[in-house]
C-alpha cells in the first residue's frame, strides 16, 4: 500500500554511485498494493451500501463470499507479498484488513443471538483503534492512502457507536463514509495500476 521511492540505495552502494538496474536487482514480486486496495474497496463498497440503507439488510449475507475470498484471502496474500517487498506498512495493513474480512465472515455466520450490539460494538472498537494509529503511518505514504485511512477511521467510529447504541442514523452515516472510503481506495488502486503500466504519473497520489 505504501508508495515506494523511485530509487533506493542497495547494500554496498555508496551515495553518488549508479545502482544496478539489471533484472537480477528487480523486486521479487510486482507491487501488490493496487490488488490489496482493490480488494478492500470492492468489499467495503458492498457492505457500506447495506449500512447506508441503499439496499435491505437481508443482502448482508450476499457479501460473505466477497468478504472471504476477495476482501479476506486476496488482501491476506497482498500482505504476505508486501512482507517480501519489505514494506512494513503495506504488510501490516493488508494482512490485518484481510483478517478483518475473514473474521467478519465468521462473525456474521456465528454471531450469538444475545448481546449482539455489545459484540459488534466491541469488535468495531478494536478496528477503530487499529485504523486510527495506522492513519499516523499513512501520513508518510501518500495523500491518496492517507485519505483512505482517515475516512476508514471515521467509518469504523460511526459504525462502532451506532451498533453499540443501536442508533440506525449513526450506522447510516458510517455507511456513507464507508462508500467514500471505497471510492478513495479504488482511486489509489487505479493510480497504482495506471502509473505503473504507463510508467508515468497518470493519476497523482500526492506523494509525501
N, C-alpha and C. Protein backbone atom coordinates (compact mmCIF):
# COMPACT_ATOMS: atom_id res chain seq x y z
N UNK A 1 0.83 -1.20 0.00
CA UNK A 1 0.00 0.00 0.00
C UNK A 1 0.86 1.24 0.00
N UNK A 2 2.08 1.15 0.59
CA UNK A 2 2.92 2.34 0.65
C UNK A 2 3.53 2.65 -0.70
N UNK A 3 3.69 3.92 -1.00
CA UNK A 3 4.34 4.34 -2.24
C UNK A 3 5.84 4.20 -2.07
N UNK A 4 6.49 3.49 -2.99
CA UNK A 4 7.92 3.27 -2.89
C UNK A 4 8.68 4.34 -3.65
N UNK A 5 9.86 4.74 -3.15
CA UNK A 5 10.67 5.72 -3.87
C UNK A 5 11.15 5.16 -5.20
N UNK A 6 11.41 6.06 -6.15
CA UNK A 6 11.82 5.62 -7.48
C UNK A 6 13.18 4.94 -7.44
N UNK A 7 14.07 5.39 -6.58
CA UNK A 7 15.38 4.77 -6.44
C UNK A 7 15.65 4.54 -4.97
N UNK A 8 16.48 3.56 -4.71
CA UNK A 8 16.78 3.23 -3.32
C UNK A 8 18.18 2.65 -3.26
N UNK A 9 18.97 3.08 -2.31
CA UNK A 9 20.32 2.55 -2.16
C UNK A 9 20.25 1.11 -1.71
N UNK A 10 20.97 0.25 -2.39
CA UNK A 10 21.06 -1.15 -2.03
C UNK A 10 22.33 -1.36 -1.20
N UNK A 11 22.42 -2.48 -0.45
CA UNK A 11 23.62 -2.75 0.33
C UNK A 11 24.87 -2.71 -0.55
N UNK A 12 25.88 -1.98 -0.10
CA UNK A 12 27.12 -1.91 -0.85
C UNK A 12 27.18 -0.79 -1.86
N UNK A 13 26.09 -0.07 -2.05
CA UNK A 13 26.04 1.04 -2.99
C UNK A 13 26.26 2.34 -2.23
N UNK A 14 27.24 3.09 -2.61
CA UNK A 14 27.56 4.33 -1.93
C UNK A 14 26.84 5.50 -2.60
N UNK A 15 26.56 6.57 -1.84
CA UNK A 15 25.92 7.75 -2.44
C UNK A 15 26.70 8.24 -3.65
N UNK A 16 26.01 8.53 -4.75
CA UNK A 16 26.65 9.01 -5.96
C UNK A 16 26.98 7.91 -6.94
N UNK A 17 26.98 6.64 -6.49
CA UNK A 17 27.25 5.53 -7.38
C UNK A 17 25.98 5.11 -8.10
N UNK A 18 26.13 4.58 -9.30
CA UNK A 18 24.97 4.09 -10.05
C UNK A 18 24.53 2.76 -9.47
N UNK A 19 23.24 2.59 -9.35
CA UNK A 19 22.71 1.33 -8.81
C UNK A 19 22.44 0.37 -9.95
N UNK A 20 22.73 -0.88 -9.78
CA UNK A 20 22.50 -1.90 -10.79
C UNK A 20 21.00 -2.04 -11.05
N UNK A 21 20.59 -1.83 -12.28
CA UNK A 21 19.17 -1.92 -12.62
C UNK A 21 18.89 -3.12 -13.51
N UNK A 22 19.75 -4.10 -13.49
CA UNK A 22 19.53 -5.31 -14.28
C UNK A 22 18.38 -6.10 -13.70
N UNK A 23 17.82 -7.06 -14.47
CA UNK A 23 16.69 -7.85 -13.98
C UNK A 23 16.97 -8.53 -12.65
N UNK A 24 18.27 -8.85 -12.38
CA UNK A 24 18.59 -9.54 -11.14
C UNK A 24 18.34 -8.66 -9.93
N UNK A 25 18.34 -7.32 -10.11
CA UNK A 25 18.15 -6.43 -8.98
C UNK A 25 16.71 -5.94 -8.87
N UNK A 26 15.83 -6.42 -9.71
CA UNK A 26 14.43 -6.00 -9.69
C UNK A 26 13.72 -6.60 -8.49
N UNK A 27 12.58 -6.01 -8.06
CA UNK A 27 11.85 -6.54 -6.91
C UNK A 27 11.44 -7.99 -7.12
N UNK A 28 11.32 -8.72 -6.03
CA UNK A 28 10.97 -10.13 -6.12
C UNK A 28 9.57 -10.33 -6.69
N UNK A 29 8.65 -9.42 -6.36
CA UNK A 29 7.28 -9.52 -6.86
C UNK A 29 6.82 -8.15 -7.32
N UNK A 30 5.77 -8.13 -8.15
CA UNK A 30 5.17 -6.86 -8.56
C UNK A 30 4.52 -6.20 -7.34
N UNK A 31 4.27 -4.90 -7.45
CA UNK A 31 3.66 -4.16 -6.35
C UNK A 31 2.28 -4.73 -6.04
N UNK A 32 2.06 -5.31 -4.86
CA UNK A 32 0.76 -5.89 -4.52
C UNK A 32 -0.24 -4.86 -4.01
N UNK A 33 0.22 -3.59 -3.85
CA UNK A 33 -0.65 -2.56 -3.29
C UNK A 33 -1.95 -2.36 -4.04
N UNK A 34 -1.93 -2.17 -5.37
CA UNK A 34 -3.18 -1.96 -6.10
C UNK A 34 -4.16 -3.12 -5.96
N UNK A 35 -3.64 -4.35 -5.89
CA UNK A 35 -4.52 -5.51 -5.70
C UNK A 35 -5.19 -5.46 -4.34
N UNK A 36 -4.39 -5.22 -3.30
CA UNK A 36 -4.96 -5.15 -1.96
C UNK A 36 -5.97 -4.03 -1.81
N UNK A 37 -5.68 -2.89 -2.40
CA UNK A 37 -6.60 -1.75 -2.34
C UNK A 37 -7.90 -2.04 -3.07
N UNK A 38 -7.80 -2.71 -4.23
CA UNK A 38 -9.00 -3.04 -4.99
C UNK A 38 -9.88 -4.02 -4.22
N UNK A 39 -9.25 -5.02 -3.60
CA UNK A 39 -9.99 -6.00 -2.81
C UNK A 39 -10.68 -5.33 -1.63
N UNK A 40 -9.96 -4.43 -0.98
CA UNK A 40 -10.53 -3.70 0.15
C UNK A 40 -11.69 -2.83 -0.31
N UNK A 41 -11.50 -2.12 -1.42
CA UNK A 41 -12.52 -1.19 -1.91
C UNK A 41 -13.80 -1.91 -2.29
N UNK A 42 -13.68 -2.99 -3.04
CA UNK A 42 -14.87 -3.70 -3.51
C UNK A 42 -15.72 -4.23 -2.38
N UNK A 43 -15.07 -4.85 -1.39
CA UNK A 43 -15.81 -5.42 -0.27
C UNK A 43 -16.39 -4.33 0.62
N UNK A 44 -15.62 -3.28 0.83
CA UNK A 44 -16.10 -2.16 1.65
C UNK A 44 -17.30 -1.49 1.01
N UNK A 45 -17.27 -1.32 -0.30
CA UNK A 45 -18.38 -0.69 -1.01
C UNK A 45 -19.67 -1.50 -0.84
N UNK A 46 -19.56 -2.81 -0.99
CA UNK A 46 -20.73 -3.67 -0.88
C UNK A 46 -21.37 -3.55 0.50
N UNK A 47 -20.57 -3.71 1.56
CA UNK A 47 -21.12 -3.66 2.91
C UNK A 47 -21.60 -2.26 3.27
N UNK A 48 -20.89 -1.25 2.79
CA UNK A 48 -21.29 0.13 3.09
C UNK A 48 -22.60 0.49 2.43
N UNK A 49 -22.88 -0.09 1.27
CA UNK A 49 -24.16 0.14 0.61
C UNK A 49 -25.30 -0.38 1.47
N UNK A 50 -25.04 -1.49 2.17
CA UNK A 50 -26.05 -2.03 3.10
C UNK A 50 -26.19 -1.10 4.30
N UNK A 51 -25.07 -0.70 4.89
CA UNK A 51 -25.10 0.17 6.07
C UNK A 51 -25.72 1.53 5.77
N UNK A 52 -25.52 2.02 4.55
CA UNK A 52 -26.07 3.32 4.18
C UNK A 52 -27.56 3.26 3.88
N UNK A 53 -28.09 2.05 3.80
CA UNK A 53 -29.52 1.90 3.54
C UNK A 53 -29.89 1.86 2.07
N UNK A 54 -28.90 1.70 1.19
CA UNK A 54 -29.19 1.61 -0.23
C UNK A 54 -30.00 0.36 -0.54
N UNK A 55 -29.68 -0.72 0.17
CA UNK A 55 -30.37 -2.00 0.00
C UNK A 55 -30.77 -2.52 1.38
N UNK A 56 -31.61 -3.52 1.41
CA UNK A 56 -32.07 -4.06 2.69
C UNK A 56 -30.96 -4.84 3.40
N UNK A 57 -31.09 -4.96 4.72
CA UNK A 57 -30.07 -5.68 5.50
C UNK A 57 -30.03 -7.16 5.14
N UNK A 58 -31.09 -7.66 4.52
CA UNK A 58 -31.10 -9.06 4.12
C UNK A 58 -30.04 -9.38 3.09
N UNK A 59 -29.51 -8.35 2.44
CA UNK A 59 -28.49 -8.54 1.42
C UNK A 59 -27.12 -8.77 2.05
N UNK A 60 -27.01 -8.52 3.36
CA UNK A 60 -25.71 -8.63 4.04
C UNK A 60 -25.04 -9.98 3.80
N UNK A 61 -25.83 -11.05 3.83
CA UNK A 61 -25.24 -12.38 3.63
C UNK A 61 -24.62 -12.51 2.25
N UNK A 62 -25.07 -11.67 1.30
CA UNK A 62 -24.50 -11.73 -0.03
C UNK A 62 -23.06 -11.27 -0.10
N UNK A 63 -22.61 -10.54 0.90
CA UNK A 63 -21.23 -10.04 0.90
C UNK A 63 -20.27 -11.08 1.45
N UNK A 64 -20.77 -12.16 2.03
CA UNK A 64 -19.90 -13.12 2.71
C UNK A 64 -18.89 -13.76 1.78
N UNK A 65 -19.33 -14.15 0.57
CA UNK A 65 -18.38 -14.74 -0.38
C UNK A 65 -17.32 -13.74 -0.78
N UNK A 66 -17.74 -12.51 -1.02
CA UNK A 66 -16.80 -11.44 -1.38
C UNK A 66 -15.85 -11.17 -0.22
N UNK A 67 -16.39 -11.17 0.99
CA UNK A 67 -15.58 -10.90 2.18
C UNK A 67 -14.54 -12.00 2.39
N UNK A 68 -14.92 -13.24 2.15
CA UNK A 68 -14.00 -14.36 2.41
C UNK A 68 -12.89 -14.42 1.35
N UNK A 69 -13.28 -14.39 0.08
CA UNK A 69 -12.31 -14.63 -0.98
C UNK A 69 -11.57 -13.37 -1.44
N UNK A 70 -12.29 -12.26 -1.60
CA UNK A 70 -11.67 -11.05 -2.15
C UNK A 70 -11.12 -10.15 -1.04
N UNK A 71 -12.00 -9.72 -0.15
CA UNK A 71 -11.56 -8.87 0.94
C UNK A 71 -10.65 -9.61 1.90
N UNK A 72 -10.90 -10.90 2.11
CA UNK A 72 -10.13 -11.67 3.08
C UNK A 72 -8.86 -12.28 2.51
N UNK A 73 -9.01 -13.34 1.72
CA UNK A 73 -7.85 -14.08 1.23
C UNK A 73 -6.96 -13.24 0.32
N UNK A 74 -7.57 -12.46 -0.58
CA UNK A 74 -6.77 -11.67 -1.51
C UNK A 74 -5.93 -10.62 -0.78
N UNK A 75 -6.53 -9.95 0.19
CA UNK A 75 -5.75 -8.96 0.95
C UNK A 75 -4.68 -9.62 1.80
N UNK A 76 -5.00 -10.80 2.33
CA UNK A 76 -4.00 -11.52 3.12
C UNK A 76 -2.80 -11.88 2.26
N UNK A 77 -3.05 -12.32 1.03
CA UNK A 77 -1.97 -12.62 0.10
C UNK A 77 -1.18 -11.36 -0.23
N UNK A 78 -1.90 -10.25 -0.46
CA UNK A 78 -1.22 -8.98 -0.75
C UNK A 78 -0.32 -8.59 0.41
N UNK A 79 -0.78 -8.82 1.63
CA UNK A 79 0.03 -8.52 2.80
C UNK A 79 1.29 -9.35 2.86
N UNK A 80 1.19 -10.65 2.52
CA UNK A 80 2.37 -11.50 2.51
C UNK A 80 3.38 -11.05 1.46
N UNK A 81 2.87 -10.63 0.29
CA UNK A 81 3.77 -10.13 -0.75
C UNK A 81 4.42 -8.82 -0.34
N UNK A 82 3.71 -8.01 0.44
CA UNK A 82 4.31 -6.77 0.94
C UNK A 82 5.45 -7.09 1.92
N UNK A 83 5.32 -8.19 2.68
CA UNK A 83 6.42 -8.61 3.53
C UNK A 83 7.65 -8.92 2.68
N UNK A 84 7.41 -9.60 1.55
CA UNK A 84 8.52 -9.92 0.64
C UNK A 84 9.15 -8.66 0.06
N UNK A 85 8.34 -7.61 -0.11
CA UNK A 85 8.84 -6.34 -0.62
C UNK A 85 9.43 -5.46 0.48
N UNK A 86 9.44 -5.97 1.69
CA UNK A 86 9.98 -5.24 2.85
C UNK A 86 9.23 -3.92 3.09
N UNK A 87 7.94 -3.96 2.85
CA UNK A 87 7.08 -2.79 3.06
C UNK A 87 6.26 -3.04 4.32
N UNK A 88 6.73 -2.56 5.43
CA UNK A 88 6.10 -2.85 6.72
C UNK A 88 4.67 -2.33 6.78
N UNK A 89 4.46 -1.08 6.35
CA UNK A 89 3.12 -0.50 6.42
C UNK A 89 2.12 -1.32 5.60
N UNK A 90 2.46 -1.59 4.35
CA UNK A 90 1.56 -2.36 3.50
C UNK A 90 1.32 -3.76 4.02
N UNK A 91 2.37 -4.39 4.55
CA UNK A 91 2.24 -5.75 5.07
C UNK A 91 1.28 -5.80 6.25
N UNK A 92 1.45 -4.87 7.18
CA UNK A 92 0.58 -4.84 8.36
C UNK A 92 -0.85 -4.49 7.98
N UNK A 93 -1.00 -3.50 7.09
CA UNK A 93 -2.33 -3.05 6.70
C UNK A 93 -3.10 -4.14 5.96
N UNK A 94 -2.54 -4.67 4.89
CA UNK A 94 -3.27 -5.65 4.09
C UNK A 94 -3.51 -6.95 4.85
N UNK A 95 -2.52 -7.41 5.60
CA UNK A 95 -2.69 -8.64 6.38
C UNK A 95 -3.80 -8.46 7.41
N UNK A 96 -3.81 -7.30 8.07
CA UNK A 96 -4.80 -7.05 9.12
C UNK A 96 -6.21 -6.92 8.55
N UNK A 97 -6.36 -6.16 7.46
CA UNK A 97 -7.70 -5.99 6.91
C UNK A 97 -8.18 -7.25 6.18
N UNK A 98 -7.23 -8.06 5.71
CA UNK A 98 -7.62 -9.38 5.22
C UNK A 98 -8.20 -10.21 6.34
N UNK A 99 -7.54 -10.15 7.51
CA UNK A 99 -8.05 -10.84 8.69
C UNK A 99 -9.38 -10.24 9.15
N UNK A 100 -9.53 -8.92 8.97
CA UNK A 100 -10.80 -8.29 9.33
C UNK A 100 -11.96 -8.90 8.55
N UNK A 101 -11.79 -9.02 7.23
CA UNK A 101 -12.88 -9.55 6.42
C UNK A 101 -13.11 -11.03 6.67
N UNK A 102 -12.06 -11.78 6.94
CA UNK A 102 -12.24 -13.19 7.28
C UNK A 102 -12.97 -13.32 8.62
N UNK A 103 -12.60 -12.49 9.58
CA UNK A 103 -13.27 -12.54 10.88
C UNK A 103 -14.69 -12.01 10.78
N UNK A 104 -14.94 -11.07 9.87
CA UNK A 104 -16.30 -10.58 9.65
C UNK A 104 -17.17 -11.70 9.11
N UNK A 105 -16.63 -12.44 8.16
CA UNK A 105 -17.36 -13.60 7.63
C UNK A 105 -17.72 -14.57 8.76
N UNK A 106 -16.76 -14.86 9.63
CA UNK A 106 -17.01 -15.79 10.73
C UNK A 106 -18.01 -15.20 11.71
N UNK A 107 -17.87 -13.91 11.99
CA UNK A 107 -18.75 -13.26 12.96
C UNK A 107 -20.21 -13.30 12.50
N UNK A 108 -20.44 -12.98 11.23
CA UNK A 108 -21.81 -12.96 10.71
C UNK A 108 -22.43 -14.35 10.73
N UNK A 109 -21.62 -15.37 10.43
CA UNK A 109 -22.16 -16.73 10.37
C UNK A 109 -22.27 -17.38 11.74
N UNK A 110 -21.60 -16.81 12.76
CA UNK A 110 -21.62 -17.41 14.10
C UNK A 110 -22.01 -16.39 15.18
N UNK A 111 -22.62 -15.27 14.77
CA UNK A 111 -22.95 -14.23 15.74
C UNK A 111 -23.94 -14.73 16.78
N UNK A 112 -23.62 -14.60 18.05
CA UNK A 112 -24.56 -15.05 19.09
C UNK A 112 -25.85 -14.24 19.07
N UNK A 113 -26.92 -14.86 19.46
CA UNK A 113 -28.22 -14.20 19.41
C UNK A 113 -28.39 -13.19 20.54
N UNK A 114 -27.60 -13.32 21.58
CA UNK A 114 -27.69 -12.39 22.70
C UNK A 114 -26.50 -11.43 22.68
N UNK A 115 -26.72 -10.22 23.20
CA UNK A 115 -25.66 -9.21 23.28
C UNK A 115 -25.04 -8.90 21.91
N UNK A 116 -25.86 -8.92 20.88
CA UNK A 116 -25.36 -8.64 19.54
C UNK A 116 -24.75 -7.25 19.46
N UNK A 117 -25.40 -6.27 20.05
CA UNK A 117 -24.92 -4.90 20.00
C UNK A 117 -23.55 -4.78 20.66
N UNK A 118 -23.38 -5.45 21.80
CA UNK A 118 -22.11 -5.39 22.52
C UNK A 118 -20.99 -6.04 21.72
N UNK A 119 -21.30 -7.20 21.14
CA UNK A 119 -20.30 -7.92 20.34
C UNK A 119 -19.84 -7.08 19.16
N UNK A 120 -20.79 -6.55 18.39
CA UNK A 120 -20.44 -5.73 17.23
C UNK A 120 -19.74 -4.44 17.63
N UNK A 121 -20.22 -3.81 18.70
CA UNK A 121 -19.61 -2.57 19.16
C UNK A 121 -18.17 -2.76 19.56
N UNK A 122 -17.89 -3.81 20.35
CA UNK A 122 -16.53 -4.06 20.80
C UNK A 122 -15.64 -4.48 19.64
N UNK A 123 -16.18 -5.28 18.74
CA UNK A 123 -15.45 -5.72 17.56
C UNK A 123 -15.03 -4.52 16.71
N UNK A 124 -15.96 -3.60 16.48
CA UNK A 124 -15.67 -2.43 15.68
C UNK A 124 -14.75 -1.44 16.40
N UNK A 125 -14.80 -1.43 17.73
CA UNK A 125 -13.91 -0.57 18.50
C UNK A 125 -12.46 -1.00 18.30
N UNK A 126 -12.23 -2.31 18.28
CA UNK A 126 -10.88 -2.83 18.04
C UNK A 126 -10.34 -2.30 16.72
N UNK A 127 -11.18 -2.33 15.69
CA UNK A 127 -10.73 -1.90 14.36
C UNK A 127 -10.65 -0.38 14.25
N UNK A 128 -11.42 0.32 15.03
CA UNK A 128 -11.31 1.78 15.06
C UNK A 128 -9.96 2.18 15.61
N UNK A 129 -9.54 1.54 16.70
CA UNK A 129 -8.25 1.85 17.33
C UNK A 129 -7.11 1.52 16.37
N UNK A 130 -7.17 0.34 15.78
CA UNK A 130 -6.11 -0.08 14.85
C UNK A 130 -6.00 0.89 13.67
N UNK A 131 -7.13 1.23 13.08
CA UNK A 131 -7.12 2.10 11.90
C UNK A 131 -6.64 3.51 12.26
N UNK A 132 -6.99 3.97 13.45
CA UNK A 132 -6.57 5.30 13.88
C UNK A 132 -5.05 5.40 13.96
N UNK A 133 -4.38 4.39 14.53
CA UNK A 133 -2.93 4.52 14.64
C UNK A 133 -2.23 4.18 13.32
N UNK A 134 -2.90 3.40 12.44
CA UNK A 134 -2.34 3.19 11.11
C UNK A 134 -2.42 4.46 10.27
N UNK A 135 -3.39 5.32 10.60
CA UNK A 135 -3.51 6.59 9.89
C UNK A 135 -2.28 7.46 10.12
N UNK A 136 -1.68 7.33 11.30
CA UNK A 136 -0.45 8.08 11.58
C UNK A 136 0.64 7.66 10.60
N UNK A 137 0.78 6.35 10.38
CA UNK A 137 1.76 5.86 9.42
C UNK A 137 1.43 6.28 8.00
N UNK A 138 0.12 6.37 7.70
CA UNK A 138 -0.31 6.73 6.35
C UNK A 138 0.11 8.15 5.97
N UNK A 139 0.39 8.98 6.96
CA UNK A 139 0.82 10.35 6.66
C UNK A 139 2.17 10.36 5.94
N UNK A 140 2.90 9.25 6.00
CA UNK A 140 4.21 9.17 5.34
C UNK A 140 4.15 8.32 4.08
N UNK A 141 2.96 7.98 3.62
CA UNK A 141 2.82 7.14 2.43
C UNK A 141 2.45 8.00 1.22
N UNK A 142 1.20 8.41 1.14
CA UNK A 142 0.75 9.30 0.07
C UNK A 142 -0.56 9.94 0.48
N UNK A 143 -0.93 11.00 -0.20
CA UNK A 143 -2.19 11.67 0.11
C UNK A 143 -3.38 10.77 -0.15
N UNK A 144 -3.31 9.95 -1.19
CA UNK A 144 -4.41 9.04 -1.52
C UNK A 144 -4.62 8.00 -0.43
N UNK A 145 -3.51 7.41 0.03
CA UNK A 145 -3.62 6.40 1.08
C UNK A 145 -4.04 7.04 2.41
N UNK A 146 -3.56 8.24 2.68
CA UNK A 146 -3.97 8.94 3.89
C UNK A 146 -5.48 9.19 3.89
N UNK A 147 -6.02 9.56 2.73
CA UNK A 147 -7.46 9.79 2.62
C UNK A 147 -8.23 8.51 2.93
N UNK A 148 -7.74 7.37 2.44
CA UNK A 148 -8.39 6.08 2.71
C UNK A 148 -8.44 5.81 4.20
N UNK A 149 -7.31 5.99 4.89
CA UNK A 149 -7.25 5.64 6.31
C UNK A 149 -8.01 6.64 7.18
N UNK A 150 -7.97 7.91 6.82
CA UNK A 150 -8.72 8.90 7.59
C UNK A 150 -10.22 8.64 7.49
N UNK A 151 -10.69 8.36 6.27
CA UNK A 151 -12.11 8.07 6.07
C UNK A 151 -12.50 6.76 6.74
N UNK A 152 -11.61 5.77 6.67
CA UNK A 152 -11.92 4.48 7.28
C UNK A 152 -12.01 4.59 8.80
N UNK A 153 -11.17 5.41 9.39
CA UNK A 153 -11.24 5.62 10.84
C UNK A 153 -12.60 6.18 11.23
N UNK A 154 -13.09 7.15 10.48
CA UNK A 154 -14.42 7.72 10.75
C UNK A 154 -15.51 6.69 10.50
N UNK A 155 -15.34 5.88 9.47
CA UNK A 155 -16.32 4.83 9.18
C UNK A 155 -16.47 3.89 10.36
N UNK A 156 -15.35 3.37 10.84
CA UNK A 156 -15.39 2.45 11.98
C UNK A 156 -15.95 3.12 13.23
N UNK A 157 -15.59 4.38 13.44
CA UNK A 157 -16.04 5.09 14.63
C UNK A 157 -17.57 5.21 14.65
N UNK A 158 -18.15 5.65 13.53
CA UNK A 158 -19.60 5.79 13.48
C UNK A 158 -20.31 4.44 13.56
N UNK A 159 -19.75 3.43 12.90
CA UNK A 159 -20.36 2.10 12.96
C UNK A 159 -20.26 1.52 14.37
N UNK A 160 -19.12 1.79 15.03
CA UNK A 160 -18.93 1.30 16.40
C UNK A 160 -19.98 1.88 17.34
N UNK A 161 -20.08 3.21 17.33
CA UNK A 161 -21.04 3.87 18.23
C UNK A 161 -22.47 3.52 17.85
N UNK A 162 -22.74 3.52 16.54
CA UNK A 162 -24.09 3.22 16.08
C UNK A 162 -24.56 1.84 16.45
N UNK A 163 -23.70 0.83 16.29
CA UNK A 163 -24.07 -0.54 16.64
C UNK A 163 -24.16 -0.73 18.14
N UNK A 164 -23.24 -0.12 18.87
CA UNK A 164 -23.22 -0.30 20.32
C UNK A 164 -24.47 0.33 20.96
N UNK A 165 -24.87 1.49 20.44
CA UNK A 165 -26.04 2.18 21.00
C UNK A 165 -27.33 1.81 20.28
N UNK A 166 -27.22 1.06 19.21
CA UNK A 166 -28.41 0.70 18.45
C UNK A 166 -29.03 1.89 17.73
N UNK A 167 -28.18 2.82 17.29
CA UNK A 167 -28.65 4.03 16.60
C UNK A 167 -28.50 3.87 15.10
N UNK A 168 -29.61 3.67 14.42
CA UNK A 168 -29.59 3.44 12.97
C UNK A 168 -28.98 4.61 12.21
N UNK A 169 -29.29 5.83 12.67
CA UNK A 169 -28.78 7.02 11.98
C UNK A 169 -27.27 7.05 11.93
N UNK A 170 -26.60 6.69 13.03
CA UNK A 170 -25.14 6.70 13.05
C UNK A 170 -24.57 5.60 12.15
N UNK A 171 -25.25 4.47 12.11
CA UNK A 171 -24.82 3.38 11.22
C UNK A 171 -24.93 3.83 9.76
N UNK A 172 -26.01 4.57 9.44
CA UNK A 172 -26.17 5.08 8.08
C UNK A 172 -25.05 6.05 7.73
N UNK A 173 -24.68 6.92 8.67
CA UNK A 173 -23.58 7.85 8.43
C UNK A 173 -22.29 7.07 8.17
N UNK A 174 -22.06 6.05 8.99
CA UNK A 174 -20.89 5.20 8.79
C UNK A 174 -20.90 4.54 7.42
N UNK A 175 -22.09 4.16 6.96
CA UNK A 175 -22.21 3.55 5.64
C UNK A 175 -21.83 4.51 4.53
N UNK A 176 -22.30 5.75 4.62
CA UNK A 176 -21.97 6.75 3.61
C UNK A 176 -20.49 7.07 3.60
N UNK A 177 -19.89 7.19 4.79
CA UNK A 177 -18.45 7.45 4.84
C UNK A 177 -17.69 6.24 4.30
N UNK A 178 -18.22 5.04 4.56
CA UNK A 178 -17.61 3.84 4.03
C UNK A 178 -17.60 3.81 2.51
N UNK A 179 -18.65 4.34 1.90
CA UNK A 179 -18.70 4.42 0.44
C UNK A 179 -17.62 5.36 -0.07
N UNK A 180 -17.44 6.49 0.61
CA UNK A 180 -16.37 7.41 0.25
C UNK A 180 -14.99 6.75 0.43
N UNK A 181 -14.87 5.95 1.47
CA UNK A 181 -13.63 5.22 1.71
C UNK A 181 -13.32 4.28 0.56
N UNK A 182 -14.34 3.55 0.10
CA UNK A 182 -14.16 2.62 -1.01
C UNK A 182 -13.75 3.35 -2.28
N UNK A 183 -14.36 4.51 -2.53
CA UNK A 183 -14.03 5.29 -3.72
C UNK A 183 -12.57 5.75 -3.65
N UNK A 184 -12.15 6.21 -2.47
CA UNK A 184 -10.76 6.65 -2.29
C UNK A 184 -9.79 5.48 -2.51
N UNK A 185 -10.15 4.29 -2.01
CA UNK A 185 -9.30 3.12 -2.17
C UNK A 185 -9.24 2.69 -3.64
N UNK A 186 -10.37 2.76 -4.33
CA UNK A 186 -10.38 2.44 -5.76
C UNK A 186 -9.47 3.40 -6.54
N UNK A 187 -9.53 4.66 -6.17
CA UNK A 187 -8.68 5.65 -6.85
C UNK A 187 -7.21 5.33 -6.62
N UNK A 188 -6.85 5.04 -5.38
CA UNK A 188 -5.45 4.71 -5.08
C UNK A 188 -5.01 3.47 -5.84
N UNK A 189 -5.91 2.49 -5.96
CA UNK A 189 -5.61 1.27 -6.72
C UNK A 189 -5.44 1.60 -8.20
N UNK A 190 -6.37 2.40 -8.74
CA UNK A 190 -6.28 2.82 -10.13
C UNK A 190 -4.97 3.53 -10.41
N UNK A 191 -4.58 4.43 -9.50
CA UNK A 191 -3.33 5.17 -9.68
C UNK A 191 -2.14 4.22 -9.71
N UNK A 192 -2.15 3.22 -8.83
CA UNK A 192 -1.05 2.27 -8.79
C UNK A 192 -0.94 1.47 -10.07
N UNK A 193 -2.09 1.03 -10.61
CA UNK A 193 -2.09 0.24 -11.84
C UNK A 193 -1.70 1.10 -13.04
N UNK A 194 -2.37 2.25 -13.19
CA UNK A 194 -2.14 3.10 -14.37
C UNK A 194 -0.73 3.68 -14.38
N UNK A 195 -0.28 4.19 -13.25
CA UNK A 195 1.04 4.81 -13.21
C UNK A 195 2.14 3.79 -13.48
N UNK A 196 1.94 2.56 -13.01
CA UNK A 196 2.93 1.51 -13.27
C UNK A 196 2.87 1.06 -14.73
N UNK A 197 1.68 0.93 -15.28
CA UNK A 197 1.52 0.46 -16.66
C UNK A 197 2.05 1.47 -17.67
N UNK A 198 1.71 2.75 -17.45
CA UNK A 198 2.13 3.79 -18.38
C UNK A 198 3.54 4.32 -18.07
N UNK A 199 4.08 3.89 -16.92
CA UNK A 199 5.42 4.31 -16.49
C UNK A 199 5.55 5.83 -16.36
N UNK A 200 4.48 6.45 -15.98
CA UNK A 200 4.48 7.88 -15.69
C UNK A 200 3.26 8.18 -14.82
N UNK A 201 3.23 9.36 -14.23
CA UNK A 201 2.13 9.71 -13.35
C UNK A 201 0.91 10.10 -14.18
N UNK A 202 -0.05 9.20 -14.22
CA UNK A 202 -1.32 9.46 -14.91
C UNK A 202 -2.35 9.96 -13.91
N UNK A 203 -2.37 9.31 -12.75
CA UNK A 203 -3.27 9.71 -11.66
C UNK A 203 -2.41 10.04 -10.44
N UNK A 204 -2.32 11.29 -10.06
CA UNK A 204 -1.47 11.69 -8.92
C UNK A 204 -1.99 11.17 -7.61
N UNK A 205 -1.09 10.83 -6.72
CA UNK A 205 -1.45 10.35 -5.38
C UNK A 205 -0.95 11.27 -4.29
N UNK A 206 -0.38 12.42 -4.68
CA UNK A 206 0.16 13.38 -3.72
C UNK A 206 1.18 12.72 -2.81
N UNK A 207 2.32 12.33 -3.35
CA UNK A 207 3.34 11.65 -2.53
C UNK A 207 3.79 12.53 -1.38
N UNK A 208 4.09 11.88 -0.25
CA UNK A 208 4.50 12.59 0.95
C UNK A 208 5.99 12.85 0.90
